[in-house]
Amino acid sequence: MNKYQKHTGDPLSDKTFNFALRIIYLFRQLQEKQKEYVLSKQVLRSGTAPGAMVREAKNAESSKDFAHKHHVAQKETAQTQYWLELLLATNYIELSLYESFHQDSAEIMKILRSSILTTKSRMRQ
């Protein structure tokens, strides 16, 4: 475990922050060791965006804004899954690393979906 990993008690914030850290380390590895500069930048951008959107959502102006920011985080997470699939298919990452990232991103997606549904349900009441 990295000393910078977050454990604040907010599972979504922690997971998205720690996921972003792993993505940054992957980005560095892809650029420094494998000289891969295109896909690495894509996965860096999309893989760090969910954490930023979750952080923004904490200061949302309304429930609708909160749900929207989580929806954007969900879309960015799905996009990250795509870039990781491409990295796997082109042999830039190994299957075990891909599976680890995919498991983390699937957990993030599940929490985001639940948050969005709960927020929208409360807005209808």
C-alpha atoms as a PDB file:
ATOM      1  CA  MET A   1       0.000   0.000   0.000  1.00  0.00           C
ATOM      2  CA  ASN A   2       1.207   3.472  -0.880  1.00  0.00           C
ATOM      3  CA  LYS A   3       1.545   5.913   2.007  1.00  0.00           C
ATOM      4  CA  TYR A   4      -0.537   8.411   0.047  1.00  0.00           C
ATOM      5  CA  GLN A   5      -3.567   6.162  -0.319  1.00  0.00           C
ATOM      6  CA  LYS A   6      -6.654   7.672   1.222  1.00  0.00           C
ATOM      7  CA  HIS A   7      -8.816   6.063   3.864  1.00  0.00           C
ATOM      8  CA  THR A   8     -11.235   8.782   4.885  1.00  0.00           C
ATOM      9  CA  GLY A   9     -14.264   6.610   5.519  1.00  0.00           C
ATOM     10  CA  ASP A  10     -15.952   7.785   2.323  1.00  0.00           C
ATOM     11  CA  PRO A  11     -15.660   4.680   0.116  1.00  0.00           C
ATOM     12  CA  LEU A  12     -16.304   6.456  -3.190  1.00  0.00           C
ATOM     13  CA  SER A  13     -13.827   9.266  -2.524  1.00  0.00           C
ATOM     14  CA  ASP A  14     -11.221   6.802  -1.314  1.00  0.00           C
ATOM     15  CA  LYS A  15     -11.687   4.407  -4.220  1.00  0.00           C
ATOM     16  CA  THR A  16     -11.581   7.096  -6.886  1.00  0.00           C
ATOM     17  CA  PHE A  17      -8.525   8.760  -5.337  1.00  0.00           C
ATOM     18  CA  ASN A  18      -6.653   5.483  -4.976  1.00  0.00           C
ATOM     19  CA  PHE A  19      -7.680   4.446  -8.489  1.00  0.00           C
ATOM     20  CA  ALA A  20      -6.285   7.733  -9.807  1.00  0.00           C
ATOM     21  CA  LEU A  21      -2.997   7.070  -8.002  1.00  0.00           C
ATOM     22  CA  ARG A  22      -2.723   3.669  -9.664  1.00  0.00           C
ATOM     23  CA  ILE A  23      -3.516   5.222 -13.034  1.00  0.00           C
ATOM     24  CA  ILE A  24      -0.752   7.807 -12.549  1.00  0.00           C
ATOM     25  CA  TYR A  25       1.741   5.046 -11.760  1.00  0.00           C
ATOM     26  CA  LEU A  26       0.582   3.148 -14.853  1.00  0.00           C
ATOM     27  CA  PHE A  27       0.975   6.300 -16.954  1.00  0.00           C
ATOM     28  CA  ARG A  28       4.552   6.743 -15.740  1.00  0.00           C
ATOM     29  CA  GLN A  29       5.388   3.114 -16.474  1.00  0.00           C
ATOM     30  CA  LEU A  30       3.892   3.257 -19.959  1.00  0.00           C
ATOM     31  CA  GLN A  31       5.785   6.422 -20.844  1.00  0.00           C
ATOM     32  CA  GLU A  32       9.119   5.700 -19.178  1.00  0.00           C
ATOM     33  CA  LYS A  33       9.551   1.972 -19.770  1.00  0.00           C
ATOM     34  CA  GLN A  34       7.460   1.288 -22.844  1.00  0.00           C
ATOM     35  CA  LYS A  35       7.671   4.657 -24.586  1.00  0.00           C
ATOM     36  CA  GLU A  36       3.906   4.660 -25.137  1.00  0.00           C
ATOM     37  CA  TYR A  37       2.651   8.243 -25.338  1.00  0.00           C
ATOM     38  CA  VAL A  38      -0.840   8.248 -26.855  1.00  0.00           C
ATOM     39  CA  LEU A  39      -2.911   5.659 -24.977  1.00  0.00           C
ATOM     40  CA  SER A  40      -1.119   6.489 -21.749  1.00  0.00           C
ATOM     41  CA  LYS A  41      -2.306  10.103 -21.910  1.00  0.00           C
ATOM     42  CA  GLN A  42      -5.859   8.996 -22.639  1.00  0.00           C
ATOM     43  CA  VAL A  43      -5.969   6.618 -19.685  1.00  0.00           C
ATOM     44  CA  LEU A  44      -4.358   9.251 -17.448  1.00  0.00           C
ATOM     45  CA  ARG A  45      -7.010  11.830 -18.326  1.00  0.00           C
ATOM     46  CA  SER A  46     -10.025   9.556 -18.009  1.00  0.00           C
ATOM     47  CA  GLY A  47      -8.661   7.588 -15.039  1.00  0.00           C
ATOM     48  CA  THR A  48      -8.088  10.637 -12.871  1.00  0.00           C
ATOM     49  CA  ALA A  49     -11.324  12.402 -13.848  1.00  0.00           C
ATOM     50  CA  PRO A  50     -13.738  10.313 -11.708  1.00  0.00           C
ATOM     51  CA  GLY A  51     -12.016  11.355  -8.491  1.00  0.00           C
ATOM     52  CA  ALA A  52     -12.140  15.004  -9.506  1.00  0.00           C
ATOM     53  CA  MET A  53     -15.841  14.746 -10.342  1.00  0.00           C
ATOM     54  CA  VAL A  54     -16.609  12.999  -7.041  1.00  0.00           C
ATOM     55  CA  ARG A  55     -14.750  15.783  -5.236  1.00  0.00           C
ATOM     56  CA  GLU A  56     -16.706  18.406  -7.200  1.00  0.00           C
ATOM     57  CA  ALA A  57     -19.967  16.655  -6.331  1.00  0.00           C
ATOM     58  CA  LYS A  58     -19.299  17.264  -2.647  1.00  0.00           C
ATOM     59  CA  ASN A  59     -19.780  20.958  -3.411  1.00  0.00           C
ATOM     60  CA  ALA A  60     -22.679  20.549  -5.809  1.00  0.00           C
ATOM     61  CA  GLU A  61     -25.180  23.364  -6.060  1.00  0.00           C
ATOM     62  CA  SER A  62     -28.163  21.018  -6.023  1.00  0.00           C
ATOM     63  CA  SER A  63     -29.147  17.362  -5.986  1.00  0.00           C
ATOM     64  CA  LYS A  64     -29.458  17.514  -9.759  1.00  0.00           C
ATOM     65  CA  ASP A  65     -25.910  18.894 -10.026  1.00  0.00           C
ATOM     66  CA  PHE A  66     -24.672  16.198  -7.627  1.00  0.00           C
ATOM     67  CA  ALA A  67     -26.231  13.424  -9.745  1.00  0.00           C
ATOM     68  CA  HIS A  68     -24.855  14.992 -12.924  1.00  0.00           C
ATOM     69  CA  LYS A  69     -21.304  15.085 -11.575  1.00  0.00           C
ATOM     70  CA  HIS A  70     -21.558  11.445 -10.525  1.00  0.00           C
ATOM     71  CA  HIS A  71     -22.917  10.603 -13.963  1.00  0.00           C
ATOM     72  CA  VAL A  72     -19.891  12.272 -15.583  1.00  0.00           C
ATOM     73  CA  ALA A  73     -17.632  10.305 -13.223  1.00  0.00           C
ATOM     74  CA  GLN A  74     -19.408   7.135 -14.331  1.00  0.00           C
ATOM     75  CA  LYS A  75     -18.847   7.975 -18.007  1.00  0.00           C
ATOM     76  CA  GLU A  76     -15.162   8.702 -17.383  1.00  0.00           C
ATOM     77  CA  THR A  77     -14.783   5.405 -15.539  1.00  0.00           C
ATOM     78  CA  ALA A  78     -16.343   3.560 -18.482  1.00  0.00           C
ATOM     79  CA  GLN A  79     -13.980   5.373 -20.835  1.00  0.00           C
ATOM     80  CA  THR A  80     -11.040   4.329 -18.665  1.00  0.00           C
ATOM     81  CA  GLN A  81     -12.173   0.726 -18.965  1.00  0.00           C
ATOM     82  CA  TYR A  82     -12.048   1.132 -22.743  1.00  0.00           C
ATOM     83  CA  TRP A  83      -8.483   2.493 -22.734  1.00  0.00           C
ATOM     84  CA  LEU A  84      -7.396  -0.308 -20.399  1.00  0.00           C
ATOM     85  CA  GLU A  85      -8.934  -2.867 -22.776  1.00  0.00           C
ATOM     86  CA  LEU A  86      -6.923  -1.344 -25.617  1.00  0.00           C
ATOM     87  CA  LEU A  87      -3.740  -1.421 -23.544  1.00  0.00           C
ATOM     88  CA  LEU A  88      -4.375  -5.104 -22.841  1.00  0.00           C
ATOM     89  CA  ALA A  89      -5.193  -5.911 -26.469  1.00  0.00           C
ATOM     90  CA  THR A  90      -1.988  -4.230 -27.649  1.00  0.00           C
ATOM     91  CA  ASN A  91       0.145  -5.977 -25.006  1.00  0.00           C
ATOM     92  CA  TYR A  92       1.120  -2.825 -23.143  1.00  0.00           C
ATOM     93  CA  ILE A  93      -0.275  -4.283 -19.922  1.00  0.00           C
ATOM     94  CA  GLU A  94      -0.587  -7.835 -18.690  1.00  0.00           C
ATOM     95  CA  LEU A  95      -3.873  -9.581 -18.013  1.00  0.00           C
ATOM     96  CA  SER A  96      -3.381  -9.594 -14.234  1.00  0.00           C
ATOM     97  CA  LEU A  97      -2.885  -5.815 -14.166  1.00  0.00           C
ATOM     98  CA  TYR A  98      -5.881  -5.290 -16.439  1.00  0.00           C
ATOM     99  CA  GLU A  99      -8.057  -7.499 -14.219  1.00  0.00           C
ATOM    100  CA  SER A 100      -7.007  -5.580 -11.125  1.00  0.00           C
ATOM    101  CA  PHE A 101      -7.865  -2.241 -12.737  1.00  0.00           C
ATOM    102  CA  HIS A 102     -11.105  -3.647 -14.131  1.00  0.00           C
ATOM    103  CA  GLN A 103     -12.183  -4.905 -10.701  1.00  0.00           C
ATOM    104  CA  ASP A 104     -11.481  -1.510  -9.128  1.00  0.00           C
ATOM    105  CA  SER A 105     -13.297   0.354 -11.895  1.00  0.00           C
ATOM    106  CA  ALA A 106     -16.281  -2.008 -11.694  1.00  0.00           C
ATOM    107  CA  GLU A 107     -16.561  -1.283  -7.951  1.00  0.00           C
ATOM    108  CA  ILE A 108     -16.425   2.454  -8.647  1.00  0.00           C
ATOM    109  CA  MET A 109     -19.115   2.101 -11.323  1.00  0.00           C
ATOM    110  CA  LYS A 110     -21.339   0.175  -8.917  1.00  0.00           C
ATOM    111  CA  ILE A 111     -21.050   2.812  -6.193  1.00  0.00           C
ATOM    112  CA  LEU A 112     -21.634   5.631  -8.677  1.00  0.00           C
ATOM    113  CA  ARG A 113     -24.726   3.925 -10.117  1.00  0.00           C
ATOM    114  CA  SER A 114     -26.124   3.430  -6.647  1.00  0.00           C
ATOM    115  CA  SER A 115     -25.436   7.047  -5.708  1.00  0.00           C
ATOM    116  CA  ILE A 116     -27.090   8.352  -8.875  1.00  0.00           C
ATOM    117  CA  LEU A 117     -30.167   6.166  -8.415  1.00  0.00           C
ATOM    118  CA  THR A 118     -30.502   7.111  -4.746  1.00  0.00           C
ATOM    119  CA  THR A 119     -30.141  10.807  -5.510  1.00  0.00           C
ATOM    120  CA  LYS A 120     -32.693  10.687  -8.331  1.00  0.00           C
ATOM    121  CA  SER A 121     -35.100   8.744  -6.138  1.00  0.00           C
ATOM    122  CA  ARG A 122     -34.838  11.371  -3.403  1.00  0.00           C
ATOM    123  CA  MET A 123     -35.373  14.134  -5.965  1.00  0.00           C
ATOM    124  CA  ARG A 124     -38.675  12.538  -7.032  1.00  0.00           C
ATOM    125  CA  GLN A 125     -39.982  12.476  -3.473  1.00  0.00           C
END
